[in-house]
Amino acid sequence: MKRVTISLDDAFYKALSKIAENQKKNLSSVIVEMASIGYKSEKEKEASDESLFVDIEKHSFKLIIQSYGILRQLAQKELGFEQNDFDQLRQLTLEKYEELMRLRKEEF
């Protein structure tokens, strides 16, 4: 086990000593326990932040899908698009995407 030297101001040292005395533990054990609690709390916060990002991502995807549905309906009603038109657009989009990916790879 690694050893660490720390400096504590008098008030904090007294507070920690009192906690150790009340819990019938040595000061080192109390400090390790508090550090462990702080570490776990920080990890939980990081996990919470990541899950928030995932939630935002999911919401964004839902909005994109809904927007696509609205645009598709508008194209059908206002522009008279049929399935064949959408298939052609999808193919053109895929070709453009592949072209851009090739250009990106050439840059690196």
PDB file of N, CA and C in Angstrom:
ATOM      1  N   MET A   1       0.848  -1.175   0.000  1.00  0.00           N
ATOM      2  CA  MET A   1       0.000   0.000   0.000  1.00  0.00           C
ATOM      3  C   MET A   1       0.892   1.235   0.000  1.00  0.00           C
ATOM      4  N   LYS A   2       0.518   2.232  -0.792  1.00  0.00           N
ATOM      5  CA  LYS A   2       1.295   3.468  -0.901  1.00  0.00           C
ATOM      6  C   LYS A   2       1.054   4.351   0.317  1.00  0.00           C
ATOM      7  N   ARG A   3       2.073   5.108   0.653  1.00  0.00           N
ATOM      8  CA  ARG A   3       1.959   6.062   1.753  1.00  0.00           C
ATOM      9  C   ARG A   3       1.969   7.466   1.189  1.00  0.00           C
ATOM     10  N   VAL A   4       1.187   8.342   1.802  1.00  0.00           N
ATOM     11  CA  VAL A   4       1.075   9.729   1.354  1.00  0.00           C
ATOM     12  C   VAL A   4       1.183  10.632   2.578  1.00  0.00           C
ATOM     13  N   THR A   5       1.877  11.727   2.424  1.00  0.00           N
ATOM     14  CA  THR A   5       1.954  12.722   3.485  1.00  0.00           C
ATOM     15  C   THR A   5       1.076  13.894   3.088  1.00  0.00           C
ATOM     16  N   ILE A   6       0.218  14.335   4.007  1.00  0.00           N
ATOM     17  CA  ILE A   6      -0.652  15.477   3.717  1.00  0.00           C
ATOM     18  C   ILE A   6      -0.517  16.510   4.819  1.00  0.00           C
ATOM     19  N   SER A   7      -0.843  17.736   4.482  1.00  0.00           N
ATOM     20  CA  SER A   7      -0.836  18.829   5.465  1.00  0.00           C
ATOM     21  C   SER A   7      -2.270  19.251   5.718  1.00  0.00           C
ATOM     22  N   LEU A   8      -2.633  19.371   6.987  1.00  0.00           N
ATOM     23  CA  LEU A   8      -3.982  19.777   7.365  1.00  0.00           C
ATOM     24  C   LEU A   8      -3.894  20.986   8.279  1.00  0.00           C
ATOM     25  N   ASP A   9      -4.838  21.912   8.110  1.00  0.00           N
ATOM     26  CA  ASP A   9      -4.843  23.018   9.072  1.00  0.00           C
ATOM     27  C   ASP A   9      -5.380  22.487  10.401  1.00  0.00           C
ATOM     28  N   ASP A  10      -5.159  23.224  11.453  1.00  0.00           N
ATOM     29  CA  ASP A  10      -5.501  22.745  12.796  1.00  0.00           C
ATOM     30  C   ASP A  10      -6.980  22.412  12.951  1.00  0.00           C
ATOM     31  N   ALA A  11      -7.862  23.252  12.410  1.00  0.00           N
ATOM     32  CA  ALA A  11      -9.299  23.044  12.580  1.00  0.00           C
ATOM     33  C   ALA A  11      -9.737  21.758  11.872  1.00  0.00           C
ATOM     34  N   PHE A  12      -9.226  21.538  10.667  1.00  0.00           N
ATOM     35  CA  PHE A  12      -9.590  20.345   9.915  1.00  0.00           C
ATOM     36  C   PHE A  12      -9.026  19.097  10.596  1.00  0.00           C
ATOM     37  N   TYR A  13      -7.799  19.206  11.108  1.00  0.00           N
ATOM     38  CA  TYR A  13      -7.181  18.082  11.816  1.00  0.00           C
ATOM     39  C   TYR A  13      -8.013  17.707  13.046  1.00  0.00           C
ATOM     40  N   LYS A  14      -8.445  18.711  13.790  1.00  0.00           N
ATOM     41  CA  LYS A  14      -9.254  18.452  14.986  1.00  0.00           C
ATOM     42  C   LYS A  14     -10.586  17.807  14.607  1.00  0.00           C
ATOM     43  N   ALA A  15     -11.211  18.294  13.524  1.00  0.00           N
ATOM     44  CA  ALA A  15     -12.497  17.738  13.095  1.00  0.00           C
ATOM     45  C   ALA A  15     -12.335  16.275  12.677  1.00  0.00           C
ATOM     46  N   LEU A  16     -11.292  15.979  11.912  1.00  0.00           N
ATOM     47  CA  LEU A  16     -11.048  14.603  11.494  1.00  0.00           C
ATOM     48  C   LEU A  16     -10.713  13.714  12.691  1.00  0.00           C
ATOM     49  N   SER A  17      -9.937  14.235  13.606  1.00  0.00           N
ATOM     50  CA  SER A  17      -9.584  13.465  14.803  1.00  0.00           C
ATOM     51  C   SER A  17     -10.833  13.122  15.613  1.00  0.00           C
ATOM     52  N   LYS A  18     -11.748  14.073  15.716  1.00  0.00           N
ATOM     53  CA  LYS A  18     -12.981  13.843  16.461  1.00  0.00           C
ATOM     54  C   LYS A  18     -13.822  12.753  15.776  1.00  0.00           C
ATOM     55  N   ILE A  19     -13.890  12.812  14.433  1.00  0.00           N
ATOM     56  CA  ILE A  19     -14.625  11.783  13.685  1.00  0.00           C
ATOM     57  C   ILE A  19     -13.992  10.415  13.943  1.00  0.00           C
ATOM     58  N   ALA A  20     -12.671  10.358  13.886  1.00  0.00           N
ATOM     59  CA  ALA A  20     -11.967   9.091  14.109  1.00  0.00           C
ATOM     60  C   ALA A  20     -12.238   8.563  15.513  1.00  0.00           C
ATOM     61  N   GLU A  21     -12.209   9.450  16.482  1.00  0.00           N
ATOM     62  CA  GLU A  21     -12.460   9.050  17.864  1.00  0.00           C
ATOM     63  C   GLU A  21     -13.897   8.530  18.026  1.00  0.00           C
ATOM     64  N   ASN A  22     -14.866   9.230  17.436  1.00  0.00           N
ATOM     65  CA  ASN A  22     -16.270   8.816  17.536  1.00  0.00           C
ATOM     66  C   ASN A  22     -16.513   7.466  16.868  1.00  0.00           C
ATOM     67  N   GLN A  23     -15.796   7.200  15.775  1.00  0.00           N
ATOM     68  CA  GLN A  23     -15.978   5.948  15.040  1.00  0.00           C
ATOM     69  C   GLN A  23     -15.031   4.858  15.529  1.00  0.00           C
ATOM     70  N   LYS A  24     -14.209   5.198  16.514  1.00  0.00           N
ATOM     71  CA  LYS A  24     -13.222   4.267  17.067  1.00  0.00           C
ATOM     72  C   LYS A  24     -12.301   3.715  15.969  1.00  0.00           C
ATOM     73  N   LYS A  25     -11.824   4.641  15.140  1.00  0.00           N
ATOM     74  CA  LYS A  25     -10.893   4.305  14.066  1.00  0.00           C
ATOM     75  C   LYS A  25      -9.689   5.213  14.181  1.00  0.00           C
ATOM     76  N   ASN A  26      -8.625   4.825  13.476  1.00  0.00           N
ATOM     77  CA  ASN A  26      -7.485   5.729  13.471  1.00  0.00           C
ATOM     78  C   ASN A  26      -7.695   6.798  12.406  1.00  0.00           C
ATOM     79  N   LEU A  27      -6.955   7.891  12.514  1.00  0.00           N
ATOM     80  CA  LEU A  27      -7.098   9.040  11.629  1.00  0.00           C
ATOM     81  C   LEU A  27      -6.842   8.661  10.168  1.00  0.00           C
ATOM     82  N   SER A  28      -5.881   7.826   9.938  1.00  0.00           N
ATOM     83  CA  SER A  28      -5.551   7.393   8.585  1.00  0.00           C
ATOM     84  C   SER A  28      -6.737   6.687   7.929  1.00  0.00           C
ATOM     85  N   SER A  29      -7.404   5.821   8.660  1.00  0.00           N
ATOM     86  CA  SER A  29      -8.564   5.102   8.131  1.00  0.00           C
ATOM     87  C   SER A  29      -9.696   6.061   7.761  1.00  0.00           C
ATOM     88  N   VAL A  30      -9.919   7.064   8.597  1.00  0.00           N
ATOM     89  CA  VAL A  30     -10.976   8.038   8.326  1.00  0.00           C
ATOM     90  C   VAL A  30     -10.661   8.829   7.059  1.00  0.00           C
ATOM     91  N   ILE A  31      -9.415   9.231   6.901  1.00  0.00           N
ATOM     92  CA  ILE A  31      -9.012   9.999   5.716  1.00  0.00           C
ATOM     93  C   ILE A  31      -9.141   9.143   4.455  1.00  0.00           C
ATOM     94  N   VAL A  32      -8.727   7.896   4.530  1.00  0.00           N
ATOM     95  CA  VAL A  32      -8.861   6.987   3.381  1.00  0.00           C
ATOM     96  C   VAL A  32     -10.335   6.795   3.033  1.00  0.00           C
ATOM     97  N   GLU A  33     -11.165   6.613   4.049  1.00  0.00           N
ATOM     98  CA  GLU A  33     -12.598   6.427   3.811  1.00  0.00           C
ATOM     99  C   GLU A  33     -13.217   7.658   3.146  1.00  0.00           C
ATOM    100  N   MET A  34     -12.845   8.842   3.624  1.00  0.00           N
ATOM    101  CA  MET A  34     -13.371  10.077   3.041  1.00  0.00           C
ATOM    102  C   MET A  34     -12.889  10.251   1.593  1.00  0.00           C
ATOM    103  N   ALA A  35     -11.636   9.936   1.344  1.00  0.00           N
ATOM    104  CA  ALA A  35     -11.108  10.026  -0.024  1.00  0.00           C
ATOM    105  C   ALA A  35     -11.838   9.054  -0.934  1.00  0.00           C
ATOM    106  N   SER A  36     -12.115   7.869  -0.429  1.00  0.00           N
ATOM    107  CA  SER A  36     -12.840   6.863  -1.201  1.00  0.00           C
ATOM    108  C   SER A  36     -14.250   7.339  -1.533  1.00  0.00           C
ATOM    109  N   ILE A  37     -14.921   7.929  -0.561  1.00  0.00           N
ATOM    110  CA  ILE A  37     -16.272   8.463  -0.786  1.00  0.00           C
ATOM    111  C   ILE A  37     -16.228   9.578  -1.839  1.00  0.00           C
ATOM    112  N   GLY A  38     -15.246  10.458  -1.729  1.00  0.00           N
ATOM    113  CA  GLY A  38     -15.098  11.536  -2.709  1.00  0.00           C
ATOM    114  C   GLY A  38     -14.833  11.008  -4.101  1.00  0.00           C
ATOM    115  N   TYR A  39     -13.987   9.985  -4.185  1.00  0.00           N
ATOM    116  CA  TYR A  39     -13.661   9.377  -5.480  1.00  0.00           C
ATOM    117  C   TYR A  39     -14.901   8.743  -6.103  1.00  0.00           C
ATOM    118  N   LYS A  40     -15.648   7.980  -5.309  1.00  0.00           N
ATOM    119  CA  LYS A  40     -16.871   7.346  -5.819  1.00  0.00           C
ATOM    120  C   LYS A  40     -17.887   8.396  -6.263  1.00  0.00           C
ATOM    121  N   SER A  41     -17.998   9.459  -5.495  1.00  0.00           N
ATOM    122  CA  SER A  41     -18.925  10.532  -5.838  1.00  0.00           C
ATOM    123  C   SER A  41     -18.548  11.173  -7.170  1.00  0.00           C
ATOM    124  N   GLU A  42     -17.259  11.389  -7.392  1.00  0.00           N
ATOM    125  CA  GLU A  42     -16.777  11.974  -8.643  1.00  0.00           C
ATOM    126  C   GLU A  42     -17.051  11.045  -9.821  1.00  0.00           C
ATOM    127  N   LYS A  43     -16.839   9.747  -9.624  1.00  0.00           N
ATOM    128  CA  LYS A  43     -17.111   8.768 -10.688  1.00  0.00           C
ATOM    129  C   LYS A  43     -18.606   8.731 -11.021  1.00  0.00           C
ATOM    130  N   GLU A  44     -19.452   8.797 -10.010  1.00  0.00           N
ATOM    131  CA  GLU A  44     -20.897   8.806 -10.245  1.00  0.00           C
ATOM    132  C   GLU A  44     -21.309  10.066 -10.999  1.00  0.00           C
ATOM    133  N   LYS A  45     -20.676  11.186 -10.674  1.00  0.00           N
ATOM    134  CA  LYS A  45     -20.965  12.443 -11.370  1.00  0.00           C
ATOM    135  C   LYS A  45     -20.573  12.322 -12.843  1.00  0.00           C
ATOM    136  N   GLU A  46     -19.406  11.740 -13.114  1.00  0.00           N
ATOM    137  CA  GLU A  46     -18.960  11.551 -14.496  1.00  0.00           C
ATOM    138  C   GLU A  46     -19.928  10.651 -15.252  1.00  0.00           C
ATOM    139  N   ALA A  47     -20.368   9.573 -14.613  1.00  0.00           N
ATOM    140  CA  ALA A  47     -21.320   8.655 -15.245  1.00  0.00           C
ATOM    141  C   ALA A  47     -22.636   9.369 -15.509  1.00  0.00           C
ATOM    142  N   SER A  48     -23.048  10.215 -14.586  1.00  0.00           N
ATOM    143  CA  SER A  48     -24.281  10.981 -14.743  1.00  0.00           C
ATOM    144  C   SER A  48     -24.164  11.938 -15.925  1.00  0.00           C
ATOM    145  N   ASP A  49     -23.000  12.596 -16.059  1.00  0.00           N
ATOM    146  CA  ASP A  49     -22.770  13.509 -17.175  1.00  0.00           C
ATOM    147  C   ASP A  49     -22.817  12.759 -18.501  1.00  0.00           C
ATOM    148  N   GLU A  50     -22.240  11.545 -18.536  1.00  0.00           N
ATOM    149  CA  GLU A  50     -22.247  10.738 -19.756  1.00  0.00           C
ATOM    150  C   GLU A  50     -23.661  10.308 -20.112  1.00  0.00           C
ATOM    151  N   SER A  51     -24.449   9.922 -19.104  1.00  0.00           N
ATOM    152  CA  SER A  51     -25.817   9.498 -19.404  1.00  0.00           C
ATOM    153  C   SER A  51     -26.644  10.682 -19.876  1.00  0.00           C
ATOM    154  N   LEU A  52     -26.341  11.891 -19.374  1.00  0.00           N
ATOM    155  CA  LEU A  52     -27.033  13.082 -19.846  1.00  0.00           C
ATOM    156  C   LEU A  52     -26.740  13.298 -21.320  1.00  0.00           C
ATOM    157  N   PHE A  53     -25.469  13.113 -21.718  1.00  0.00           N
ATOM    158  CA  PHE A  53     -25.099  13.250 -23.121  1.00  0.00           C
ATOM    159  C   PHE A  53     -25.842  12.232 -23.967  1.00  0.00           C
ATOM    160  N   VAL A  54     -25.927  11.005 -23.483  1.00  0.00           N
ATOM    161  CA  VAL A  54     -26.648   9.953 -24.210  1.00  0.00           C
ATOM    162  C   VAL A  54     -28.114  10.349 -24.354  1.00  0.00           C
ATOM    163  N   ASP A  55     -28.725  10.901 -23.299  1.00  0.00           N
ATOM    164  CA  ASP A  55     -30.117  11.331 -23.366  1.00  0.00           C
ATOM    165  C   ASP A  55     -30.290  12.451 -24.391  1.00  0.00           C
ATOM    166  N   ILE A  56     -29.361  13.388 -24.413  1.00  0.00           N
ATOM    167  CA  ILE A  56     -29.416  14.489 -25.381  1.00  0.00           C
ATOM    168  C   ILE A  56     -29.284  13.939 -26.795  1.00  0.00           C
ATOM    169  N   GLU A  57     -28.373  12.990 -26.963  1.00  0.00           N
ATOM    170  CA  GLU A  57     -28.183  12.365 -28.272  1.00  0.00           C
ATOM    171  C   GLU A  57     -29.463  11.668 -28.729  1.00  0.00           C
ATOM    172  N   LYS A  58     -30.086  10.900 -27.842  1.00  0.00           N
ATOM    173  CA  LYS A  58     -31.324  10.194 -28.175  1.00  0.00           C
ATOM    174  C   LYS A  58     -32.412  11.187 -28.579  1.00  0.00           C
ATOM    175  N   HIS A  59     -32.537  12.253 -27.822  1.00  0.00           N
ATOM    176  CA  HIS A  59     -33.550  13.263 -28.113  1.00  0.00           C
ATOM    177  C   HIS A  59     -33.276  13.900 -29.482  1.00  0.00           C
ATOM    178  N   SER A  60     -32.014  14.184 -29.764  1.00  0.00           N
ATOM    179  CA  SER A  60     -31.651  14.777 -31.052  1.00  0.00           C
ATOM    180  C   SER A  60     -32.011  13.840 -32.200  1.00  0.00           C
ATOM    181  N   PHE A  61     -31.723  12.554 -32.038  1.00  0.00           N
ATOM    182  CA  PHE A  61     -32.061  11.590 -33.079  1.00  0.00           C
ATOM    183  C   PHE A  61     -33.576  11.539 -33.312  1.00  0.00           C
ATOM    184  N   LYS A  62     -34.338  11.585 -32.228  1.00  0.00           N
ATOM    185  CA  LYS A  62     -35.796  11.576 -32.364  1.00  0.00           C
ATOM    186  C   LYS A  62     -36.268  12.799 -33.139  1.00  0.00           C
ATOM    187  N   LEU A  63     -35.677  13.958 -32.830  1.00  0.00           N
ATOM    188  CA  LEU A  63     -36.057  15.177 -33.543  1.00  0.00           C
ATOM    189  C   LEU A  63     -35.698  15.091 -35.021  1.00  0.00           C
ATOM    190  N   ILE A  64     -34.547  14.504 -35.321  1.00  0.00           N
ATOM    191  CA  ILE A  64     -34.134  14.339 -36.715  1.00  0.00           C
ATOM    192  C   ILE A  64     -35.121  13.443 -37.449  1.00  0.00           C
ATOM    193  N   ILE A  65     -35.506  12.353 -36.828  1.00  0.00           N
ATOM    194  CA  ILE A  65     -36.452  11.421 -37.456  1.00  0.00           C
ATOM    195  C   ILE A  65     -37.804  12.095 -37.674  1.00  0.00           C
ATOM    196  N   GLN A  66     -38.254  12.859 -36.676  1.00  0.00           N
ATOM    197  CA  GLN A  66     -39.527  13.557 -36.817  1.00  0.00           C
ATOM    198  C   GLN A  66     -39.454  14.597 -37.933  1.00  0.00           C
ATOM    199  N   SER A  67     -38.344  15.319 -37.993  1.00  0.00           N
ATOM    200  CA  SER A  67     -38.163  16.317 -39.051  1.00  0.00           C
ATOM    201  C   SER A  67     -38.172  15.655 -40.419  1.00  0.00           C
ATOM    202  N   TYR A  68     -37.506  14.519 -40.525  1.00  0.00           N
ATOM    203  CA  TYR A  68     -37.480  13.781 -41.781  1.00  0.00           C
ATOM    204  C   TYR A  68     -38.902  13.387 -42.195  1.00  0.00           C
ATOM    205  N   GLY A  69     -39.694  12.923 -41.246  1.00  0.00           N
ATOM    206  CA  GLY A  69     -41.073  12.536 -41.539  1.00  0.00           C
ATOM    207  C   GLY A  69     -41.895  13.715 -42.037  1.00  0.00           C
ATOM    208  N   ILE A  70     -41.723  14.869 -41.397  1.00  0.00           N
ATOM    209  CA  ILE A  70     -42.454  16.066 -41.813  1.00  0.00           C
ATOM    210  C   ILE A  70     -42.029  16.490 -43.216  1.00  0.00           C
ATOM    211  N   LEU A  71     -40.720  16.504 -43.472  1.00  0.00           N
ATOM    212  CA  LEU A  71     -40.226  16.873 -44.806  1.00  0.00           C
ATOM    213  C   LEU A  71     -40.727  15.908 -45.873  1.00  0.00           C
ATOM    214  N   ARG A  72     -40.759  14.645 -45.545  1.00  0.00           N
ATOM    215  CA  ARG A  72     -41.238  13.644 -46.498  1.00  0.00           C
ATOM    216  C   ARG A  72     -42.713  13.882 -46.839  1.00  0.00           C
ATOM    217  N   GLN A  73     -43.516  14.155 -45.818  1.00  0.00           N
ATOM    218  CA  GLN A  73     -44.937  14.427 -46.062  1.00  0.00           C
ATOM    219  C   GLN A  73     -45.113  15.677 -46.911  1.00  0.00           C
ATOM    220  N   LEU A  74     -44.335  16.725 -46.597  1.00  0.00           N
ATOM    221  CA  LEU A  74     -44.417  17.948 -47.397  1.00  0.00           C
ATOM    222  C   LEU A  74     -44.027  17.681 -48.852  1.00  0.00           C
ATOM    223  N   ALA A  75     -42.966  16.910 -49.048  1.00  0.00           N
ATOM    224  CA  ALA A  75     -42.521  16.598 -50.406  1.00  0.00           C
ATOM    225  C   ALA A  75     -43.578  15.808 -51.159  1.00  0.00           C
ATOM    226  N   GLN A  76     -44.247  14.910 -50.481  1.00  0.00           N
ATOM    227  CA  GLN A  76     -45.296  14.110 -51.131  1.00  0.00           C
ATOM    228  C   GLN A  76     -46.497  14.986 -51.501  1.00  0.00           C
ATOM    229  N   LYS A  77     -46.920  15.806 -50.552  1.00  0.00           N
ATOM    230  CA  LYS A  77     -48.140  16.597 -50.772  1.00  0.00           C
ATOM    231  C   LYS A  77     -47.898  17.803 -51.674  1.00  0.00           C
ATOM    232  N   GLU A  78     -46.843  18.551 -51.404  1.00  0.00           N
ATOM    233  CA  GLU A  78     -46.629  19.816 -52.112  1.00  0.00           C
ATOM    234  C   GLU A  78     -45.858  19.646 -53.420  1.00  0.00           C
ATOM    235  N   LEU A  79     -44.919  18.701 -53.469  1.00  0.00           N
ATOM    236  CA  LEU A  79     -44.095  18.532 -54.663  1.00  0.00           C
ATOM    237  C   LEU A  79     -44.482  17.304 -55.481  1.00  0.00           C
ATOM    238  N   GLY A  80     -45.391  16.525 -54.954  1.00  0.00           N
ATOM    239  CA  GLY A  80     -45.850  15.340 -55.671  1.00  0.00           C
ATOM    240  C   GLY A  80     -44.810  14.233 -55.759  1.00  0.00           C
ATOM    241  N   PHE A  81     -43.879  14.166 -54.788  1.00  0.00           N
ATOM    242  CA  PHE A  81     -42.857  13.119 -54.792  1.00  0.00           C
ATOM    243  C   PHE A  81     -43.491  11.755 -54.592  1.00  0.00           C
ATOM    244  N   GLU A  82     -42.923  10.765 -55.250  1.00  0.00           N
ATOM    245  CA  GLU A  82     -43.339   9.379 -55.079  1.00  0.00           C
ATOM    246  C   GLU A  82     -42.151   8.589 -54.542  1.00  0.00           C
ATOM    247  N   GLN A  83     -42.368   7.315 -54.250  1.00  0.00           N
ATOM    248  CA  GLN A  83     -41.313   6.471 -53.679  1.00  0.00           C
ATOM    249  C   GLN A  83     -40.062   6.471 -54.554  1.00  0.00           C
ATOM    250  N   ASN A  84     -40.235   6.447 -55.857  1.00  0.00           N
ATOM    251  CA  ASN A  84     -39.113   6.447 -56.785  1.00  0.00           C
ATOM    252  C   ASN A  84     -38.246   7.703 -56.603  1.00  0.00           C
ATOM    253  N   ASP A  85     -38.876   8.851 -56.376  1.00  0.00           N
ATOM    254  CA  ASP A  85     -38.142  10.103 -56.162  1.00  0.00           C
ATOM    255  C   ASP A  85     -37.305  10.026 -54.886  1.00  0.00           C
ATOM    256  N   PHE A  86     -37.893   9.461 -53.842  1.00  0.00           N
ATOM    257  CA  PHE A  86     -37.168   9.319 -52.581  1.00  0.00           C
ATOM    258  C   PHE A  86     -35.999   8.346 -52.730  1.00  0.00           C
ATOM    259  N   ASP A  87     -36.199   7.286 -53.500  1.00  0.00           N
ATOM    260  CA  ASP A  87     -35.123   6.321 -53.739  1.00  0.00           C
ATOM    261  C   ASP A  87     -33.958   6.986 -54.468  1.00  0.00           C
ATOM    262  N   GLN A  88     -34.278   7.831 -55.459  1.00  0.00           N
ATOM    263  CA  GLN A  88     -33.232   8.542 -56.204  1.00  0.00           C
ATOM    264  C   GLN A  88     -32.478   9.504 -55.291  1.00  0.00           C
ATOM    265  N   LEU A  89     -33.201  10.221 -54.449  1.00  0.00           N
ATOM    266  CA  LEU A  89     -32.558  11.138 -53.499  1.00  0.00           C
ATOM    267  C   LEU A  89     -31.648  10.392 -52.527  1.00  0.00           C
ATOM    268  N   ARG A  90     -32.126   9.252 -52.056  1.00  0.00           N
ATOM    269  CA  ARG A  90     -31.343   8.436 -51.129  1.00  0.00           C
ATOM    270  C   ARG A  90     -30.043   7.980 -51.800  1.00  0.00           C
ATOM    271  N   GLN A  91     -30.137   7.549 -53.053  1.00  0.00           N
ATOM    272  CA  GLN A  91     -28.958   7.086 -53.794  1.00  0.00           C
ATOM    273  C   GLN A  91     -27.977   8.230 -54.020  1.00  0.00           C
ATOM    274  N   LEU A  92     -28.468   9.392 -54.414  1.00  0.00           N
ATOM    275  CA  LEU A  92     -27.602  10.562 -54.615  1.00  0.00           C
ATOM    276  C   LEU A  92     -26.919  10.979 -53.310  1.00  0.00           C
ATOM    277  N   THR A  93     -27.671  10.914 -52.228  1.00  0.00           N
ATOM    278  CA  THR A  93     -27.115  11.269 -50.918  1.00  0.00           C
ATOM    279  C   THR A  93     -26.011  10.297 -50.523  1.00  0.00           C
ATOM    280  N   LEU A  94     -26.243   9.013 -50.736  1.00  0.00           N
ATOM    281  CA  LEU A  94     -25.249   8.000 -50.413  1.00  0.00           C
ATOM    282  C   LEU A  94     -23.976   8.198 -51.242  1.00  0.00           C
ATOM    283  N   GLU A  95     -24.141   8.481 -52.524  1.00  0.00           N
ATOM    284  CA  GLU A  95     -22.981   8.711 -53.397  1.00  0.00           C
ATOM    285  C   GLU A  95     -22.188   9.934 -52.938  1.00  0.00           C
ATOM    286  N   LYS A  96     -22.882  11.013 -52.585  1.00  0.00           N
ATOM    287  CA  LYS A  96     -22.209  12.229 -52.116  1.00  0.00           C
ATOM    288  C   LYS A  96     -21.471  11.956 -50.805  1.00  0.00           C
ATOM    289  N   TYR A  97     -22.095  11.213 -49.914  1.00  0.00           N
ATOM    290  CA  TYR A  97     -21.457  10.857 -48.641  1.00  0.00           C
ATOM    291  C   TYR A  97     -20.174  10.074 -48.881  1.00  0.00           C
ATOM    292  N   GLU A  98     -20.243   9.076 -49.751  1.00  0.00           N
ATOM    293  CA  GLU A  98     -19.063   8.260 -50.057  1.00  0.00           C
ATOM    294  C   GLU A  98     -17.967   9.113 -50.684  1.00  0.00           C
ATOM    295  N   GLU A  99     -18.334  10.051 -51.538  1.00  0.00           N
ATOM    296  CA  GLU A  99     -17.358  10.965 -52.149  1.00  0.00           C
ATOM    297  C   GLU A  99     -16.673  11.818 -51.085  1.00  0.00           C
ATOM    298  N   LEU A 100     -17.450  12.352 -50.180  1.00  0.00           N
ATOM    299  CA  LEU A 100     -16.884  13.178 -49.108  1.00  0.00           C
ATOM    300  C   LEU A 100     -15.978  12.363 -48.188  1.00  0.00           C
ATOM    301  N   MET A 101     -16.353  11.122 -47.909  1.00  0.00           N
ATOM    302  CA  MET A 101     -15.517  10.273 -47.063  1.00  0.00           C
ATOM    303  C   MET A 101     -14.192   9.964 -47.754  1.00  0.00           C
ATOM    304  N   ARG A 102     -14.216   9.751 -49.062  1.00  0.00           N
ATOM    305  CA  ARG A 102     -12.964   9.518 -49.803  1.00  0.00           C
ATOM    306  C   ARG A 102     -12.073  10.752 -49.738  1.00  0.00           C
ATOM    307  N   LEU A 103     -12.665  11.935 -49.889  1.00  0.00           N
ATOM    308  CA  LEU A 103     -11.893  13.179 -49.821  1.00  0.00           C
ATOM    309  C   LEU A 103     -11.288  13.358 -48.437  1.00  0.00           C
ATOM    310  N   ARG A 104     -12.057  13.006 -47.429  1.00  0.00           N
ATOM    311  CA  ARG A 104     -11.568  13.145 -46.048  1.00  0.00           C
ATOM    312  C   ARG A 104     -10.370  12.226 -45.806  1.00  0.00           C
ATOM    313  N   LYS A 105     -10.463  10.988 -46.302  1.00  0.00           N
ATOM    314  CA  LYS A 105      -9.366  10.041 -46.124  1.00  0.00           C
ATOM    315  C   LYS A 105      -8.111  10.522 -46.852  1.00  0.00           C
ATOM    316  N   GLU A 106      -8.281  11.144 -47.999  1.00  0.00           N
ATOM    317  CA  GLU A 106      -7.138  11.640 -48.764  1.00  0.00           C
ATOM    318  C   GLU A 106      -6.439  12.784 -48.044  1.00  0.00           C
ATOM    319  N   GLU A 107      -7.193  13.563 -47.248  1.00  0.00           N
ATOM    320  CA  GLU A 107      -6.618  14.672 -46.495  1.00  0.00           C
ATOM    321  C   GLU A 107      -5.663  14.167 -45.428  1.00  0.00           C
ATOM    322  N   PHE A 108      -5.955  13.029 -44.867  1.00  0.00           N
ATOM    323  CA  PHE A 108      -5.134  12.495 -43.787  1.00  0.00           C
ATOM    324  C   PHE A 108      -4.162  11.551 -44.374  1.00  0.00           C
TER     325      PHE A 108
END
